[in-house]
Amino acid sequence: MLMTGLRRYPKVVRIKSAGRKKRRLKIGPVGTLIVIAAVALLAWSLLPLGQRLEREEEVGELEQKVAALREENQALREEIAHLKSDEYVEKLAREELGLVKEGESAYLVVPPKGEERSDESKPQKRERTLWQKFEAFLKNLFD
């Protein structure tokens, strides 16, 4: 049988070299101890890495809290400055205590009998202190 178009390759034969053997790396007991020490040192140096990453994360969170508290402190300082201003004190004295400036007259509009006041014109109820509640209780008890 004649095959056309196909080539026949010769069989590849490996030739072993006669006096050549594979060389192995001989470490010995001292070399083994050095390798073990190097692996232990590497493991020991990587152990704190996880702790350091946790601390860095914690520091980041604390820095965010500090920034938020600084913003809150700044807002509170601005509010304190506003509350100490003369305009606010005057407004509070007029609204809460009913005070007027010299030369001004205060008027109180009273609705006719039977009509309810609107919510805006009703005086605001102040929360009574514990002592005032206790005093009212005693008055009701002995009356």
C-alpha atoms as a PDB file:
ATOM      1  CA  MET A   1       0.000   0.000   0.000  1.00  0.00           C
ATOM      2  CA  LEU A   2       1.353   3.242  -1.052  1.00  0.00           C
ATOM      3  CA  MET A   3       0.272   6.383   0.728  1.00  0.00           C
ATOM      4  CA  THR A   4       0.729   9.604  -0.960  1.00  0.00           C
ATOM      5  CA  GLY A   5       0.969  12.924   0.813  1.00  0.00           C
ATOM      6  CA  LEU A   6       1.870  11.437   4.195  1.00  0.00           C
ATOM      7  CA  ARG A   7       5.357  11.521   5.498  1.00  0.00           C
ATOM      8  CA  ARG A   8       6.842   9.091   7.763  1.00  0.00           C
ATOM      9  CA  TYR A   9       8.935  10.527  10.563  1.00  0.00           C
ATOM     10  CA  PRO A  10      11.683   8.504  12.087  1.00  0.00           C
ATOM     11  CA  LYS A  11      11.174   7.332  15.661  1.00  0.00           C
ATOM     12  CA  VAL A  12      12.734   9.645  18.219  1.00  0.00           C
ATOM     13  CA  VAL A  13      15.055   7.847  20.543  1.00  0.00           C
ATOM     14  CA  ARG A  14      16.356   9.387  23.711  1.00  0.00           C
ATOM     15  CA  ILE A  15      19.902   8.688  24.496  1.00  0.00           C
ATOM     16  CA  LYS A  16      20.839   8.647  28.129  1.00  0.00           C
ATOM     17  CA  SER A  17      24.177  10.134  28.825  1.00  0.00           C
ATOM     18  CA  ALA A  18      26.277   7.621  30.543  1.00  0.00           C
ATOM     19  CA  GLY A  19      27.925   9.240  33.546  1.00  0.00           C
ATOM     20  CA  ARG A  20      25.508  12.099  34.118  1.00  0.00           C
ATOM     21  CA  LYS A  21      23.134  11.952  37.075  1.00  0.00           C
ATOM     22  CA  LYS A  22      20.652  14.514  38.358  1.00  0.00           C
ATOM     23  CA  ARG A  23      22.071  16.733  40.995  1.00  0.00           C
ATOM     24  CA  ARG A  24      20.063  17.216  44.178  1.00  0.00           C
ATOM     25  CA  LEU A  25      20.409  20.185  46.426  1.00  0.00           C
ATOM     26  CA  LYS A  26      21.817  19.020  49.716  1.00  0.00           C
ATOM     27  CA  ILE A  27      20.717  21.286  52.554  1.00  0.00           C
ATOM     28  CA  GLY A  28      21.709  19.434  55.667  1.00  0.00           C
ATOM     29  CA  PRO A  29      20.502  20.046  59.243  1.00  0.00           C
ATOM     30  CA  VAL A  30      21.828  23.616  59.468  1.00  0.00           C
ATOM     31  CA  GLY A  31      20.187  24.556  56.193  1.00  0.00           C
ATOM     32  CA  THR A  32      16.922  22.992  57.356  1.00  0.00           C
ATOM     33  CA  LEU A  33      17.011  25.095  60.532  1.00  0.00           C
ATOM     34  CA  ILE A  34      17.690  28.216  58.475  1.00  0.00           C
ATOM     35  CA  VAL A  35      14.711  27.494  56.175  1.00  0.00           C
ATOM     36  CA  ILE A  36      12.438  26.821  59.176  1.00  0.00           C
ATOM     37  CA  ALA A  37      13.629  30.036  60.838  1.00  0.00           C
ATOM     38  CA  ALA A  38      13.003  32.021  57.636  1.00  0.00           C
ATOM     39  CA  VAL A  39       9.458  30.639  57.292  1.00  0.00           C
ATOM     40  CA  ALA A  40       8.767  31.342  60.990  1.00  0.00           C
ATOM     41  CA  LEU A  41      10.098  34.901  60.622  1.00  0.00           C
ATOM     42  CA  LEU A  42       7.928  35.454  57.565  1.00  0.00           C
ATOM     43  CA  ALA A  43       4.819  34.161  59.365  1.00  0.00           C
ATOM     44  CA  TRP A  44       5.631  36.265  62.436  1.00  0.00           C
ATOM     45  CA  SER A  45       6.022  39.418  60.327  1.00  0.00           C
ATOM     46  CA  LEU A  46       2.691  38.856  58.535  1.00  0.00           C
ATOM     47  CA  LEU A  47       0.731  38.260  61.762  1.00  0.00           C
ATOM     48  CA  PRO A  48       0.600  41.939  62.845  1.00  0.00           C
ATOM     49  CA  LEU A  49      -0.404  42.966  59.337  1.00  0.00           C
ATOM     50  CA  GLY A  50      -4.039  41.986  60.002  1.00  0.00           C
ATOM     51  CA  GLN A  51      -4.003  43.813  63.322  1.00  0.00           C
ATOM     52  CA  ARG A  52      -2.529  46.895  61.661  1.00  0.00           C
ATOM     53  CA  LEU A  53      -5.264  46.871  59.030  1.00  0.00           C
ATOM     54  CA  GLU A  54      -7.926  46.633  61.743  1.00  0.00           C
ATOM     55  CA  ARG A  55      -6.357  49.562  63.609  1.00  0.00           C
ATOM     56  CA  GLU A  56      -6.202  51.664  60.451  1.00  0.00           C
ATOM     57  CA  GLU A  57      -9.894  50.986  59.839  1.00  0.00           C
ATOM     58  CA  GLU A  58     -10.697  51.935  63.436  1.00  0.00           C
ATOM     59  CA  VAL A  59      -8.639  55.126  63.117  1.00  0.00           C
ATOM     60  CA  GLY A  60     -10.574  56.040  59.959  1.00  0.00           C
ATOM     61  CA  GLU A  61     -13.901  55.594  61.742  1.00  0.00           C
ATOM     62  CA  LEU A  62     -12.724  57.663  64.710  1.00  0.00           C
ATOM     63  CA  GLU A  63     -11.499  60.437  62.416  1.00  0.00           C
ATOM     64  CA  GLN A  64     -14.963  60.564  60.825  1.00  0.00           C
ATOM     65  CA  LYS A  65     -16.564  60.817  64.279  1.00  0.00           C
ATOM     66  CA  VAL A  66     -14.175  63.599  65.258  1.00  0.00           C
ATOM     67  CA  ALA A  67     -15.002  65.522  62.079  1.00  0.00           C
ATOM     68  CA  ALA A  68     -18.745  65.144  62.750  1.00  0.00           C
ATOM     69  CA  LEU A  69     -18.310  66.312  66.349  1.00  0.00           C
ATOM     70  CA  ARG A  70     -16.283  69.327  65.222  1.00  0.00           C
ATOM     71  CA  GLU A  71     -19.080  70.308  62.827  1.00  0.00           C
ATOM     72  CA  GLU A  72     -21.632  69.882  65.604  1.00  0.00           C
ATOM     73  CA  ASN A  73     -19.501  71.991  67.975  1.00  0.00           C
ATOM     74  CA  GLN A  74     -19.261  74.736  65.364  1.00  0.00           C
ATOM     75  CA  ALA A  75     -23.044  74.707  64.892  1.00  0.00           C
ATOM     76  CA  LEU A  76     -23.534  74.888  68.667  1.00  0.00           C
ATOM     77  CA  ARG A  77     -21.094  77.823  68.935  1.00  0.00           C
ATOM     78  CA  GLU A  78     -23.070  79.658  66.255  1.00  0.00           C
ATOM     79  CA  GLU A  79     -26.321  78.931  68.088  1.00  0.00           C
ATOM     80  CA  ILE A  80     -24.836  80.205  71.374  1.00  0.00           C
ATOM     81  CA  ALA A  81     -23.736  83.401  69.652  1.00  0.00           C
ATOM     82  CA  HIS A  82     -27.256  83.817  68.234  1.00  0.00           C
ATOM     83  CA  LEU A  83     -28.887  83.204  71.627  1.00  0.00           C
ATOM     84  CA  LYS A  84     -26.614  85.776  73.266  1.00  0.00           C
ATOM     85  CA  SER A  85     -27.397  88.436  70.654  1.00  0.00           C
ATOM     86  CA  ASP A  86     -29.420  91.468  71.702  1.00  0.00           C
ATOM     87  CA  GLU A  87     -31.980  90.881  68.954  1.00  0.00           C
ATOM     88  CA  TYR A  88     -32.817  87.403  70.206  1.00  0.00           C
ATOM     89  CA  VAL A  89     -33.002  88.486  73.843  1.00  0.00           C
ATOM     90  CA  GLU A  90     -35.357  91.302  72.877  1.00  0.00           C
ATOM     91  CA  LYS A  91     -37.529  88.967  70.811  1.00  0.00           C
ATOM     92  CA  LEU A  92     -37.690  86.465  73.668  1.00  0.00           C
ATOM     93  CA  ALA A  93     -38.565  89.200  76.185  1.00  0.00           C
ATOM     94  CA  ARG A  94     -41.375  90.456  73.949  1.00  0.00           C
ATOM     95  CA  GLU A  95     -42.839  87.037  73.086  1.00  0.00           C
ATOM     96  CA  GLU A  96     -42.435  85.148  76.342  1.00  0.00           C
ATOM     97  CA  LEU A  97     -42.585  87.867  78.979  1.00  0.00           C
ATOM     98  CA  GLY A  98     -44.733  90.440  77.204  1.00  0.00           C
ATOM     99  CA  LEU A  99     -42.219  93.246  77.781  1.00  0.00           C
ATOM    100  CA  VAL A 100     -42.227  96.435  75.720  1.00  0.00           C
ATOM    101  CA  LYS A 101     -39.702  99.213  75.104  1.00  0.00           C
ATOM    102  CA  GLU A 102     -40.052 102.618  76.718  1.00  0.00           C
ATOM    103  CA  GLY A 103     -42.664 104.663  74.936  1.00  0.00           C
ATOM    104  CA  GLU A 104     -44.395 101.629  73.418  1.00  0.00           C
ATOM    105  CA  SER A 105     -47.833 100.449  74.399  1.00  0.00           C
ATOM    106  CA  ALA A 106     -48.835  96.825  74.550  1.00  0.00           C
ATOM    107  CA  TYR A 107     -52.304  95.783  73.472  1.00  0.00           C
ATOM    108  CA  LEU A 108     -54.041  92.536  74.156  1.00  0.00           C
ATOM    109  CA  VAL A 109     -56.837  91.658  71.761  1.00  0.00           C
ATOM    110  CA  VAL A 110     -59.555  89.758  73.581  1.00  0.00           C
ATOM    111  CA  PRO A 111     -62.114  87.923  71.453  1.00  0.00           C
ATOM    112  CA  PRO A 112     -65.798  88.414  72.204  1.00  0.00           C
ATOM    113  CA  LYS A 113     -67.407  85.991  74.616  1.00  0.00           C
ATOM    114  CA  GLY A 114     -68.107  82.560  73.199  1.00  0.00           C
ATOM    115  CA  GLU A 115     -65.527  82.772  70.437  1.00  0.00           C
ATOM    116  CA  GLU A 116     -62.441  80.643  70.532  1.00  0.00           C
ATOM    117  CA  ARG A 117     -59.048  82.063  69.896  1.00  0.00           C
ATOM    118  CA  SER A 118     -57.150  80.859  66.894  1.00  0.00           C
ATOM    119  CA  ASP A 119     -54.110  78.726  67.573  1.00  0.00           C
ATOM    120  CA  GLU A 120     -51.776  81.576  66.679  1.00  0.00           C
ATOM    121  CA  SER A 121     -53.265  83.989  69.185  1.00  0.00           C
ATOM    122  CA  LYS A 122     -53.581  81.457  72.011  1.00  0.00           C
ATOM    123  CA  PRO A 123     -50.903  81.836  74.626  1.00  0.00           C
ATOM    124  CA  GLN A 124     -48.543  78.908  74.684  1.00  0.00           C
ATOM    125  CA  LYS A 125     -48.819  76.644  77.689  1.00  0.00           C
ATOM    126  CA  ARG A 126     -45.613  76.297  79.582  1.00  0.00           C
ATOM    127  CA  GLU A 127     -44.693  72.960  81.041  1.00  0.00           C
ATOM    128  CA  ARG A 128     -45.057  73.103  84.787  1.00  0.00           C
ATOM    129  CA  THR A 129     -42.107  72.125  86.885  1.00  0.00           C
ATOM    130  CA  LEU A 130     -42.281  69.149  89.205  1.00  0.00           C
ATOM    131  CA  TRP A 131     -42.546  71.456  92.195  1.00  0.00           C
ATOM    132  CA  GLN A 132     -45.488  73.326  90.638  1.00  0.00           C
ATOM    133  CA  LYS A 133     -47.261  70.038  89.929  1.00  0.00           C
ATOM    134  CA  PHE A 134     -46.679  68.891  93.493  1.00  0.00           C
ATOM    135  CA  GLU A 135     -47.957  72.201  94.849  1.00  0.00           C
ATOM    136  CA  ALA A 136     -51.118  71.951  92.721  1.00  0.00           C
ATOM    137  CA  PHE A 137     -51.645  68.380  93.916  1.00  0.00           C
ATOM    138  CA  LEU A 138     -51.437  69.464  97.572  1.00  0.00           C
ATOM    139  CA  LYS A 139     -53.856  72.349  96.982  1.00  0.00           C
ATOM    140  CA  ASN A 140     -56.377  70.009  95.349  1.00  0.00           C
ATOM    141  CA  LEU A 141     -55.914  67.476  98.115  1.00  0.00           C
ATOM    142  CA  PHE A 142     -56.685  69.878 100.961  1.00  0.00           C
ATOM    143  CA  ASP A 143     -59.365  71.989  99.254  1.00  0.00           C
END
